[in-house]
Amino acid sequence: LSDIARGFADGDWSRRAEVLSNDEVGVLANSFNHMADELGGLYRSLEQKVDEQLNIVIRADETLQKELETYVGIDMANGVLHFFKGYVSELVGAFPMFFQTLRNHDPKESETTLQDIRFNIEELKNWTDMVLSPDQVVGREGITLRAWSKGILSGDVENQGGGVVAMATFVKEKLNDTTQEPFRRYQETVLAAATKLNDLLNDALQPQVHPWGAPLGWTW
C-alpha cells in the first residue's frame, strides 16, 4: 500500500490499492482508493473545463484571422496576427504542463508554468489594447503603437522580424474603425475566457486540492 501511495504521489494517478481483507489495512486501502478516485476526478474535471476555455480562445483566434483577411488580405493578416498566434500557441501548450506539475507535486515548476501562462495572457491583452488604442502607451513597450510603427518603417526602431513590418504597415495604411472591430470582438471573447481560466487555476491551487497552492489574482 505504501508503494502504491508513493507512486500516486509521484504522479501515477492510475495507481490503486488491492483490497485483500476487511481489517484495518483493508479499510485503509479502500479509503486510499476513494481518495484517489475523487482527486483524479477533480483534476479531470478541471482539465476539461480548461480545455473548453482554451478552445474558445483558439476559435476566437481563427475568427479574427478570417475577418481580418477580408479587409487586408491573407498575407498581411498572417503577418499582423503573428504575435497573437504565438501567444495563443504558447498558452495552449502551457496548461498541460501546468497540470502535470501539479500531479508531480512540483511547486517550483508549477510557478514557472504559471508565469508563462500569465505572460502570454498579458501579451494578448497588450497587443489587442495597442491595436484598439494606437495613440496610447500600453503595456511594457513604453511607446504608442503608431509611433512604434513609424519607427519600424523608418528604421529608427529595430526590426526583430516575425510580422513586425506587416503590423507596422497595417497600422500605417489599414488601421481604422472598421479594421479595429474584429479586434474588439476578439478582446471581448478572450477576456471572458481568460477570466474563467483564472478562476479555474485558482480552484486547482486551493489548499484542499493542493496544499501549497495560492490564488493567482490576475485581472484584465
C-alpha atoms as a PDB file:
ATOM      1  CA  LEU A   1       0.000   0.000   0.000  1.00  0.00           C
ATOM      2  CA  SER A   2       2.827   2.414   0.830  1.00  0.00           C
ATOM      3  CA  ASP A   3       4.457   1.743  -2.570  1.00  0.00           C
ATOM      4  CA  ILE A   4       1.182   2.450  -4.345  1.00  0.00           C
ATOM      5  CA  ALA A   5       0.682   5.661  -2.336  1.00  0.00           C
ATOM      6  CA  ARG A   6       4.208   6.823  -3.216  1.00  0.00           C
ATOM      7  CA  GLY A   7       3.588   6.075  -6.891  1.00  0.00           C
ATOM      8  CA  PHE A   8       0.351   8.040  -6.777  1.00  0.00           C
ATOM      9  CA  ALA A   9       2.142  10.953  -5.092  1.00  0.00           C
ATOM     10  CA  ASP A  10       4.786  10.865  -7.824  1.00  0.00           C
ATOM     11  CA  GLY A  11       2.143  11.469 -10.491  1.00  0.00           C
ATOM     12  CA  ASP A  12       0.917   7.987 -11.456  1.00  0.00           C
ATOM     13  CA  TRP A  13      -2.742   8.595 -10.763  1.00  0.00           C
ATOM     14  CA  SER A  14      -3.760   5.223 -12.127  1.00  0.00           C
ATOM     15  CA  ARG A  15      -2.396   3.500  -9.010  1.00  0.00           C
ATOM     16  CA  ARG A  16      -4.982   1.810  -6.810  1.00  0.00           C
ATOM     17  CA  ALA A  17      -4.618  -0.382  -3.761  1.00  0.00           C
ATOM     18  CA  GLU A  18      -5.708  -4.019  -3.831  1.00  0.00           C
ATOM     19  CA  VAL A  19      -8.234  -4.676  -1.065  1.00  0.00           C
ATOM     20  CA  LEU A  20      -7.436  -8.129   0.342  1.00  0.00           C
ATOM     21  CA  SER A  21      -9.149  -8.034   3.729  1.00  0.00           C
ATOM     22  CA  ASN A  22     -11.814  -6.325   5.829  1.00  0.00           C
ATOM     23  CA  ASP A  23      -9.457  -5.404   8.651  1.00  0.00           C
ATOM     24  CA  GLU A  24      -7.783  -2.044   9.282  1.00  0.00           C
ATOM     25  CA  VAL A  25      -5.457  -2.478   6.290  1.00  0.00           C
ATOM     26  CA  GLY A  26      -8.403  -3.214   4.045  1.00  0.00           C
ATOM     27  CA  VAL A  27     -10.254  -0.158   5.313  1.00  0.00           C
ATOM     28  CA  LEU A  28      -7.146   1.957   4.703  1.00  0.00           C
ATOM     29  CA  ALA A  29      -6.816   0.571   1.164  1.00  0.00           C
ATOM     30  CA  ASN A  30     -10.473   1.350   0.480  1.00  0.00           C
ATOM     31  CA  SER A  31     -10.050   4.868   1.814  1.00  0.00           C
ATOM     32  CA  PHE A  32      -6.989   5.417  -0.344  1.00  0.00           C
ATOM     33  CA  ASN A  33      -8.817   4.241  -3.463  1.00  0.00           C
ATOM     34  CA  HIS A  34     -11.759   6.509  -2.691  1.00  0.00           C
ATOM     35  CA  MET A  35      -9.429   9.483  -2.220  1.00  0.00           C
ATOM     36  CA  ALA A  36      -7.569   8.641  -5.441  1.00  0.00           C
ATOM     37  CA  ASP A  37     -10.832   8.415  -7.403  1.00  0.00           C
ATOM     38  CA  GLU A  38     -12.062  11.761  -6.052  1.00  0.00           C
ATOM     39  CA  LEU A  39      -8.778  13.588  -6.658  1.00  0.00           C
ATOM     40  CA  GLY A  40      -8.384  12.118 -10.138  1.00  0.00           C
ATOM     41  CA  GLY A  41     -11.961  13.072 -10.992  1.00  0.00           C
ATOM     42  CA  LEU A  42     -11.424  16.593  -9.714  1.00  0.00           C
ATOM     43  CA  TYR A  43      -8.393  17.143 -11.913  1.00  0.00           C
ATOM     44  CA  ARG A  44     -10.047  15.575 -14.947  1.00  0.00           C
ATOM     45  CA  SER A  45     -12.978  17.936 -14.469  1.00  0.00           C
ATOM     46  CA  LEU A  46     -10.677  20.945 -14.139  1.00  0.00           C
ATOM     47  CA  GLU A  47      -8.688  19.927 -17.197  1.00  0.00           C
ATOM     48  CA  GLN A  48     -11.869  19.504 -19.224  1.00  0.00           C
ATOM     49  CA  LYS A  49     -13.113  22.951 -18.207  1.00  0.00           C
ATOM     50  CA  VAL A  50      -9.733  24.487 -19.039  1.00  0.00           C
ATOM     51  CA  ASP A  51      -9.793  22.804 -22.453  1.00  0.00           C
ATOM     52  CA  GLU A  52     -13.241  24.296 -23.109  1.00  0.00           C
ATOM     53  CA  GLN A  53     -11.965  27.814 -22.449  1.00  0.00           C
ATOM     54  CA  LEU A  54      -8.796  27.260 -24.465  1.00  0.00           C
ATOM     55  CA  ASN A  55     -10.901  26.084 -27.393  1.00  0.00           C
ATOM     56  CA  ILE A  56     -12.850  29.342 -27.156  1.00  0.00           C
ATOM     57  CA  VAL A  57      -9.551  31.255 -27.415  1.00  0.00           C
ATOM     58  CA  ILE A  58      -8.435  29.122 -30.381  1.00  0.00           C
ATOM     59  CA  ARG A  59     -11.738  29.680 -32.204  1.00  0.00           C
ATOM     60  CA  ALA A  60     -11.539  33.416 -31.487  1.00  0.00           C
ATOM     61  CA  ASP A  61      -8.056  33.430 -32.996  1.00  0.00           C
ATOM     62  CA  GLU A  62      -9.320  31.648 -36.113  1.00  0.00           C
ATOM     63  CA  THR A  63     -12.279  34.025 -36.425  1.00  0.00           C
ATOM     64  CA  LEU A  64     -10.014  37.068 -36.115  1.00  0.00           C
ATOM     65  CA  GLN A  65      -7.827  35.672 -38.881  1.00  0.00           C
ATOM     66  CA  LYS A  66     -10.755  35.166 -41.259  1.00  0.00           C
ATOM     67  CA  GLU A  67     -12.311  38.566 -40.540  1.00  0.00           C
ATOM     68  CA  LEU A  68      -9.033  40.426 -40.919  1.00  0.00           C
ATOM     69  CA  GLU A  69      -8.316  38.658 -44.211  1.00  0.00           C
ATOM     70  CA  THR A  70     -11.450  40.199 -45.704  1.00  0.00           C
ATOM     71  CA  TYR A  71     -10.025  43.688 -45.079  1.00  0.00           C
ATOM     72  CA  VAL A  72      -6.286  43.322 -45.682  1.00  0.00           C
ATOM     73  CA  GLY A  73      -5.733  40.011 -47.482  1.00  0.00           C
ATOM     74  CA  ILE A  74      -4.162  36.741 -46.337  1.00  0.00           C
ATOM     75  CA  ASP A  75      -0.514  37.800 -46.367  1.00  0.00           C
ATOM     76  CA  MET A  76      -0.933  40.935 -44.263  1.00  0.00           C
ATOM     77  CA  ALA A  77      -3.364  39.186 -41.912  1.00  0.00           C
ATOM     78  CA  ASN A  78      -0.818  36.402 -41.325  1.00  0.00           C
ATOM     79  CA  GLY A  79       1.856  38.964 -40.528  1.00  0.00           C
ATOM     80  CA  VAL A  80      -0.308  41.122 -38.287  1.00  0.00           C
ATOM     81  CA  LEU A  81      -1.511  38.131 -36.290  1.00  0.00           C
ATOM     82  CA  HIS A  82       1.932  36.563 -35.929  1.00  0.00           C
ATOM     83  CA  PHE A  83       2.174  37.861 -32.369  1.00  0.00           C
ATOM     84  CA  PHE A  84      -1.334  36.773 -31.419  1.00  0.00           C
ATOM     85  CA  LYS A  85      -0.904  33.249 -32.783  1.00  0.00           C
ATOM     86  CA  GLY A  86       2.402  32.830 -30.993  1.00  0.00           C
ATOM     87  CA  TYR A  87       0.944  33.783 -27.621  1.00  0.00           C
ATOM     88  CA  VAL A  88      -2.127  31.579 -28.147  1.00  0.00           C
ATOM     89  CA  SER A  89       0.083  28.619 -29.074  1.00  0.00           C
ATOM     90  CA  GLU A  90       2.261  29.117 -26.000  1.00  0.00           C
ATOM     91  CA  LEU A  91      -0.823  29.489 -23.804  1.00  0.00           C
ATOM     92  CA  VAL A  92      -2.438  26.292 -25.077  1.00  0.00           C
ATOM     93  CA  GLY A  93       0.807  24.376 -24.604  1.00  0.00           C
ATOM     94  CA  ALA A  94       1.407  25.643 -21.071  1.00  0.00           C
ATOM     95  CA  PHE A  95      -1.736  24.250 -19.452  1.00  0.00           C
ATOM     96  CA  PRO A  96      -0.967  20.511 -19.880  1.00  0.00           C
ATOM     97  CA  MET A  97       2.479  21.214 -18.429  1.00  0.00           C
ATOM     98  CA  PHE A  98       0.881  23.024 -15.503  1.00  0.00           C
ATOM     99  CA  PHE A  99      -1.416  20.135 -14.604  1.00  0.00           C
ATOM    100  CA  GLN A 100       1.491  17.710 -14.920  1.00  0.00           C
ATOM    101  CA  THR A 101       3.489  19.749 -12.405  1.00  0.00           C
ATOM    102  CA  LEU A 102       0.529  19.552 -10.015  1.00  0.00           C
ATOM    103  CA  ARG A 103       0.393  15.787 -10.379  1.00  0.00           C
ATOM    104  CA  ASN A 104       4.140  15.648  -9.771  1.00  0.00           C
ATOM    105  CA  HIS A 105       3.885  17.853  -6.662  1.00  0.00           C
ATOM    106  CA  ASP A 106       6.457  20.248  -8.097  1.00  0.00           C
ATOM    107  CA  PRO A 107       5.721  23.762  -6.769  1.00  0.00           C
ATOM    108  CA  LYS A 108       8.748  25.353  -8.449  1.00  0.00           C
ATOM    109  CA  GLU A 109       7.844  24.103 -11.921  1.00  0.00           C
ATOM    110  CA  SER A 110       4.177  24.932 -11.337  1.00  0.00           C
ATOM    111  CA  GLU A 111       5.071  28.526 -10.531  1.00  0.00           C
ATOM    112  CA  THR A 112       7.313  28.738 -13.609  1.00  0.00           C
ATOM    113  CA  THR A 113       4.492  27.450 -15.809  1.00  0.00           C
ATOM    114  CA  LEU A 114       2.032  29.845 -14.185  1.00  0.00           C
ATOM    115  CA  GLN A 115       4.364  32.720 -15.014  1.00  0.00           C
ATOM    116  CA  ASP A 116       4.337  31.585 -18.647  1.00  0.00           C
ATOM    117  CA  ILE A 117       0.540  31.465 -18.623  1.00  0.00           C
ATOM    118  CA  ARG A 118       0.307  34.933 -17.095  1.00  0.00           C
ATOM    119  CA  PHE A 119       2.820  36.344 -19.570  1.00  0.00           C
ATOM    120  CA  ASN A 120       1.010  35.040 -22.647  1.00  0.00           C
ATOM    121  CA  ILE A 121      -2.391  36.239 -21.454  1.00  0.00           C
ATOM    122  CA  GLU A 122      -0.991  39.674 -20.605  1.00  0.00           C
ATOM    123  CA  GLU A 123       0.703  39.924 -24.017  1.00  0.00           C
ATOM    124  CA  LEU A 124      -2.532  39.025 -25.814  1.00  0.00           C
ATOM    125  CA  LYS A 125      -4.205  41.790 -23.853  1.00  0.00           C
ATOM    126  CA  ASN A 126      -1.417  44.281 -24.523  1.00  0.00           C
ATOM    127  CA  TRP A 127      -1.350  43.742 -28.280  1.00  0.00           C
ATOM    128  CA  THR A 128      -5.128  43.932 -28.527  1.00  0.00           C
ATOM    129  CA  ASP A 129      -5.146  47.114 -26.450  1.00  0.00           C
ATOM    130  CA  MET A 130      -2.461  48.620 -28.676  1.00  0.00           C
ATOM    131  CA  VAL A 131      -4.457  47.928 -31.841  1.00  0.00           C
ATOM    132  CA  LEU A 132      -7.601  49.389 -30.275  1.00  0.00           C
ATOM    133  CA  SER A 133      -5.737  52.401 -28.819  1.00  0.00           C
ATOM    134  CA  PRO A 134      -2.817  53.017 -31.207  1.00  0.00           C
ATOM    135  CA  ASP A 135      -2.126  56.524 -29.876  1.00  0.00           C
ATOM    136  CA  GLN A 136      -1.858  55.491 -26.230  1.00  0.00           C
ATOM    137  CA  VAL A 137       1.087  53.927 -24.418  1.00  0.00           C
ATOM    138  CA  VAL A 138       0.005  50.400 -23.497  1.00  0.00           C
ATOM    139  CA  GLY A 139       1.811  47.653 -21.601  1.00  0.00           C
ATOM    140  CA  ARG A 140       5.553  47.426 -21.139  1.00  0.00           C
ATOM    141  CA  GLU A 141       6.631  48.786 -24.540  1.00  0.00           C
ATOM    142  CA  GLY A 142       6.651  52.413 -23.361  1.00  0.00           C
ATOM    143  CA  ILE A 143       5.649  53.672 -26.799  1.00  0.00           C
ATOM    144  CA  THR A 144       2.401  54.026 -28.725  1.00  0.00           C
ATOM    145  CA  LEU A 145       1.688  51.513 -31.463  1.00  0.00           C
ATOM    146  CA  ARG A 146       1.547  54.272 -34.043  1.00  0.00           C
ATOM    147  CA  ALA A 147       4.929  55.685 -33.008  1.00  0.00           C
ATOM    148  CA  TRP A 148       6.400  52.175 -32.909  1.00  0.00           C
ATOM    149  CA  SER A 149       5.082  51.504 -36.411  1.00  0.00           C
ATOM    150  CA  LYS A 150       6.611  54.706 -37.783  1.00  0.00           C
ATOM    151  CA  GLY A 151       9.906  53.779 -36.198  1.00  0.00           C
ATOM    152  CA  ILE A 152       9.845  50.298 -37.731  1.00  0.00           C
ATOM    153  CA  LEU A 153       9.096  51.609 -41.234  1.00  0.00           C
ATOM    154  CA  SER A 154      11.713  54.364 -40.984  1.00  0.00           C
ATOM    155  CA  GLY A 155      14.362  52.101 -39.500  1.00  0.00           C
ATOM    156  CA  ASP A 156      14.591  54.044 -36.249  1.00  0.00           C
ATOM    157  CA  VAL A 157      13.215  51.048 -34.291  1.00  0.00           C
ATOM    158  CA  GLU A 158      14.963  47.693 -34.537  1.00  0.00           C
ATOM    159  CA  ASN A 159      13.083  45.201 -36.703  1.00  0.00           C
ATOM    160  CA  GLN A 160      13.030  41.911 -34.831  1.00  0.00           C
ATOM    161  CA  GLY A 161      11.181  40.044 -37.602  1.00  0.00           C
ATOM    162  CA  GLY A 162       8.160  37.820 -37.147  1.00  0.00           C
ATOM    163  CA  GLY A 163       5.416  40.010 -38.587  1.00  0.00           C
ATOM    164  CA  VAL A 164       6.841  43.315 -37.381  1.00  0.00           C
ATOM    165  CA  VAL A 165       6.784  45.022 -40.781  1.00  0.00           C
ATOM    166  CA  ALA A 166       3.325  43.652 -41.547  1.00  0.00           C
ATOM    167  CA  MET A 167       1.979  45.068 -38.273  1.00  0.00           C
ATOM    168  CA  ALA A 168       3.672  48.428 -38.866  1.00  0.00           C
ATOM    169  CA  THR A 169       2.306  48.628 -42.412  1.00  0.00           C
ATOM    170  CA  PHE A 170      -1.149  47.629 -41.206  1.00  0.00           C
ATOM    171  CA  VAL A 171      -1.109  50.423 -38.635  1.00  0.00           C
ATOM    172  CA  LYS A 172       0.040  52.978 -41.201  1.00  0.00           C
ATOM    173  CA  GLU A 173      -2.235  52.005 -44.101  1.00  0.00           C
ATOM    174  CA  LYS A 174      -5.173  49.939 -42.873  1.00  0.00           C
ATOM    175  CA  LEU A 175      -5.911  50.632 -39.213  1.00  0.00           C
ATOM    176  CA  ASN A 176      -9.285  52.345 -38.810  1.00  0.00           C
ATOM    177  CA  ASP A 177     -12.595  51.879 -37.064  1.00  0.00           C
ATOM    178  CA  THR A 178     -13.603  49.114 -39.468  1.00  0.00           C
ATOM    179  CA  THR A 179     -10.444  47.037 -39.157  1.00  0.00           C
ATOM    180  CA  GLN A 180     -10.409  47.541 -35.380  1.00  0.00           C
ATOM    181  CA  GLU A 181     -13.829  45.946 -34.970  1.00  0.00           C
ATOM    182  CA  PRO A 182     -12.644  42.305 -35.298  1.00  0.00           C
ATOM    183  CA  PHE A 183     -10.025  43.002 -32.619  1.00  0.00           C
ATOM    184  CA  ARG A 184     -12.709  44.455 -30.372  1.00  0.00           C
ATOM    185  CA  ARG A 185     -14.799  41.293 -30.640  1.00  0.00           C
ATOM    186  CA  TYR A 186     -11.682  39.187 -30.174  1.00  0.00           C
ATOM    187  CA  GLN A 187     -10.784  41.044 -26.989  1.00  0.00           C
ATOM    188  CA  GLU A 188     -14.250  40.563 -25.509  1.00  0.00           C
ATOM    189  CA  THR A 189     -14.179  36.829 -26.186  1.00  0.00           C
ATOM    190  CA  VAL A 190     -10.638  36.251 -24.953  1.00  0.00           C
ATOM    191  CA  LEU A 191     -11.238  38.435 -21.887  1.00  0.00           C
ATOM    192  CA  ALA A 192     -14.177  36.274 -20.842  1.00  0.00           C
ATOM    193  CA  ALA A 193     -12.196  33.073 -21.407  1.00  0.00           C
ATOM    194  CA  ALA A 194      -9.132  34.410 -19.553  1.00  0.00           C
ATOM    195  CA  THR A 195     -11.296  35.346 -16.558  1.00  0.00           C
ATOM    196  CA  LYS A 196     -12.713  31.817 -16.410  1.00  0.00           C
ATOM    197  CA  LEU A 197      -9.242  30.317 -16.807  1.00  0.00           C
ATOM    198  CA  ASN A 198      -8.078  32.441 -13.894  1.00  0.00           C
ATOM    199  CA  ASP A 199     -10.918  31.103 -11.741  1.00  0.00           C
ATOM    200  CA  LEU A 200     -10.181  27.505 -12.757  1.00  0.00           C
ATOM    201  CA  LEU A 201      -6.498  27.823 -11.909  1.00  0.00           C
ATOM    202  CA  ASN A 202      -7.384  29.324  -8.558  1.00  0.00           C
ATOM    203  CA  ASP A 203      -9.607  26.289  -7.963  1.00  0.00           C
ATOM    204  CA  ALA A 204      -6.718  23.978  -8.879  1.00  0.00           C
ATOM    205  CA  LEU A 205      -4.466  25.732  -6.370  1.00  0.00           C
ATOM    206  CA  GLN A 206      -6.836  25.788  -3.413  1.00  0.00           C
ATOM    207  CA  PRO A 207      -5.321  24.221  -0.281  1.00  0.00           C
ATOM    208  CA  GLN A 208      -7.893  21.410  -0.208  1.00  0.00           C
ATOM    209  CA  VAL A 209      -6.788  20.427  -3.714  1.00  0.00           C
ATOM    210  CA  HIS A 210      -3.102  21.209  -3.458  1.00  0.00           C
ATOM    211  CA  PRO A 211      -1.723  22.257  -0.054  1.00  0.00           C
ATOM    212  CA  TRP A 212       0.947  24.636  -1.346  1.00  0.00           C
ATOM    213  CA  GLY A 213      -1.384  26.412  -3.726  1.00  0.00           C
ATOM    214  CA  ALA A 214      -2.251  30.105  -3.692  1.00  0.00           C
ATOM    215  CA  PRO A 215      -4.603  32.252  -5.791  1.00  0.00           C
ATOM    216  CA  LEU A 216      -3.236  33.899  -8.912  1.00  0.00           C
ATOM    217  CA  GLY A 217      -5.117  37.161  -8.704  1.00  0.00           C
ATOM    218  CA  TRP A 218      -4.562  38.491 -12.217  1.00  0.00           C
ATOM    219  CA  THR A 219      -7.277  40.682 -13.680  1.00  0.00           C
ATOM    220  CA  TRP A 220      -7.957  42.276 -17.033  1.00  0.00           C
END
